[in-house]
Amino acid sequence: QVQLVESGGGLVQAGGSLRLSCAASTRTFTSYIIAWFRQAPGKEREFVAAVTWSGDSTHYADSVKGRFTITRDNTKNTVYLQMNSLKPEDAAVYYCAAPPSGRPAGIGRDEYDTWGQGTQVTVSS
């Protein structure tokens, strides 16, 4: 079982940048696809980005494509989400998530069974 802890959220002006981190406690980090989701008040949790086990393949929601970059450092058991050109509509609680070990996963929330506690991102206009 993996445990996930997010960090790096905060308050930023529109157009600014933040980098979120997702630290995983597991001896088999490379067995897990890692994804980022976000949830704004009154809205459903939505997929943001995902990275495969080795980090050589990524997938993004259309709303963040070209502005956000997901990477992973398997030597540090950490996945990063670099967020540039932030918009007020990017404000949300951001969660990292993992599916069962060794399982592929896509953009559906139900495909992921381990979640971090979330980190708040606030974007002022």
Protein backbone atom coordinates (compact mmCIF):
# COMPACT_ATOMS: atom_id res chain seq x y z
CA GLN A 1 0.00 0.00 0.00
CA VAL A 2 1.22 3.51 -0.80
CA GLN A 3 0.64 6.69 1.16
CA LEU A 4 0.65 10.07 -0.57
CA VAL A 5 1.33 13.53 0.84
CA GLU A 6 0.87 16.71 -1.19
CA SER A 7 2.60 20.02 -0.60
CA GLY A 8 3.31 23.28 -2.39
CA GLY A 9 -0.10 24.87 -2.55
CA GLY A 10 -0.67 28.52 -1.75
CA LEU A 11 -1.89 31.88 -2.95
CA VAL A 12 -0.69 33.19 -6.29
CA GLN A 13 -1.76 35.98 -8.63
CA ALA A 14 -3.25 35.16 -11.98
CA GLY A 15 -0.47 34.52 -14.46
CA GLY A 16 1.83 33.23 -11.75
CA SER A 17 3.29 29.79 -11.10
CA LEU A 18 3.30 27.14 -8.41
CA ARG A 19 4.89 23.72 -8.12
CA LEU A 20 3.06 21.02 -6.25
CA SER A 21 4.77 17.94 -4.88
CA CYS A 22 3.36 14.51 -4.11
CA ALA A 23 5.61 12.42 -1.89
CA ALA A 24 4.94 8.70 -1.74
CA SER A 25 5.86 6.34 1.05
CA THR A 26 6.36 2.97 -0.57
CA ARG A 27 9.22 0.68 -1.53
CA THR A 28 7.67 0.09 -4.93
CA PHE A 29 7.07 3.62 -6.21
CA THR A 30 7.71 2.62 -9.80
CA SER A 31 4.74 0.26 -9.61
CA TYR A 32 2.32 3.17 -9.41
CA ILE A 33 0.91 5.50 -11.99
CA ILE A 34 0.40 8.85 -10.24
CA ALA A 35 -2.26 11.37 -11.15
CA TRP A 36 -3.33 14.82 -10.03
CA PHE A 37 -6.97 15.72 -9.59
CA ARG A 38 -8.55 18.92 -8.36
CA GLN A 39 -11.80 19.91 -6.75
CA ALA A 40 -13.23 23.40 -6.60
CA PRO A 41 -16.07 24.31 -4.21
CA GLY A 42 -19.38 22.98 -5.46
CA LYS A 43 -17.78 21.05 -8.29
CA GLU A 44 -16.86 17.44 -8.86
CA ARG A 45 -13.29 16.25 -8.51
CA GLU A 46 -11.71 16.37 -11.96
CA PHE A 47 -8.67 14.85 -13.59
CA VAL A 48 -5.73 17.18 -14.20
CA ALA A 49 -2.71 15.11 -15.25
CA ALA A 50 -1.10 11.70 -14.92
CA VAL A 51 2.35 10.18 -15.39
CA THR A 52 3.24 6.55 -16.04
CA TRP A 53 5.53 4.35 -14.00
CA SER A 54 8.80 5.38 -15.65
CA GLY A 55 7.72 8.93 -16.32
CA ASP A 56 8.06 8.64 -20.06
CA SER A 57 4.39 9.10 -20.79
CA THR A 58 2.03 11.80 -19.55
CA HIS A 59 -1.57 12.81 -20.09
CA TYR A 60 -3.30 16.13 -19.42
CA ALA A 61 -6.78 17.51 -19.23
CA ASP A 62 -7.46 19.90 -22.10
CA SER A 63 -7.96 22.75 -19.65
CA VAL A 64 -4.35 22.61 -18.45
CA LYS A 65 -2.53 21.40 -21.54
CA GLY A 66 0.40 23.67 -22.38
CA ARG A 67 0.37 25.31 -18.94
CA PHE A 68 0.90 22.42 -16.50
CA THR A 69 3.68 19.84 -16.55
CA ILE A 70 3.71 16.60 -14.57
CA THR A 71 7.02 14.89 -13.85
CA ARG A 72 8.28 12.26 -11.46
CA ASP A 73 11.59 11.60 -9.74
CA ASN A 74 11.69 7.92 -8.90
CA THR A 75 14.87 8.38 -6.85
CA LYS A 76 12.89 10.63 -4.50
CA ASN A 77 9.51 8.87 -4.67
CA THR A 78 8.00 12.19 -5.70
CA VAL A 79 5.74 13.46 -8.45
CA TYR A 80 5.61 17.15 -9.30
CA LEU A 81 3.00 19.33 -10.95
CA GLN A 82 4.46 22.54 -12.35
CA MET A 83 1.64 25.00 -12.90
CA ASN A 84 2.31 28.07 -15.03
CA SER A 85 0.07 30.85 -16.32
CA LEU A 86 -2.40 30.16 -13.55
CA LYS A 87 -5.95 31.34 -13.96
CA PRO A 88 -8.63 32.02 -11.33
CA GLU A 89 -10.47 28.94 -12.59
CA ASP A 90 -7.46 26.80 -11.58
CA ALA A 91 -8.21 27.51 -7.92
CA ALA A 92 -9.08 24.28 -6.13
CA VAL A 93 -7.85 21.68 -3.71
CA TYR A 94 -5.35 19.55 -5.59
CA TYR A 95 -5.01 15.86 -4.80
CA CYS A 96 -2.55 13.27 -5.96
CA ALA A 97 -3.79 9.75 -6.41
CA ALA A 98 -2.60 6.26 -7.23
CA PRO A 99 -4.38 3.18 -8.58
CA PRO A 100 -3.66 -0.28 -7.20
CA SER A 101 -0.04 -1.32 -7.61
CA GLY A 102 0.84 -2.28 -11.17
CA ARG A 103 -2.57 -1.33 -12.54
CA PRO A 104 -3.03 1.06 -15.43
CA ALA A 105 -5.37 3.97 -14.91
CA GLY A 106 -6.89 6.79 -16.88
CA ILE A 107 -8.90 9.87 -16.05
CA GLY A 108 -11.66 8.33 -13.98
CA ARG A 109 -11.74 8.96 -10.24
CA ASP A 110 -12.92 5.42 -9.58
CA GLU A 111 -9.73 4.00 -11.07
CA TYR A 112 -7.72 5.37 -8.16
CA ASP A 113 -7.92 3.92 -4.67
CA THR A 114 -5.28 5.90 -2.77
CA TRP A 115 -5.51 9.66 -2.27
CA GLY A 116 -3.50 12.28 -0.48
CA GLN A 117 -5.04 14.82 1.86
CA GLY A 118 -4.97 17.62 -0.71
CA THR A 119 -3.30 21.01 -0.96
CA GLN A 120 -5.13 24.27 -1.55
CA VAL A 121 -4.33 26.44 -4.56
CA THR A 122 -5.82 29.94 -4.60
CA VAL A 123 -5.47 32.21 -7.62
CA SER A 124 -6.29 35.88 -7.26
CA SER A 125 -7.41 37.89 -10.25
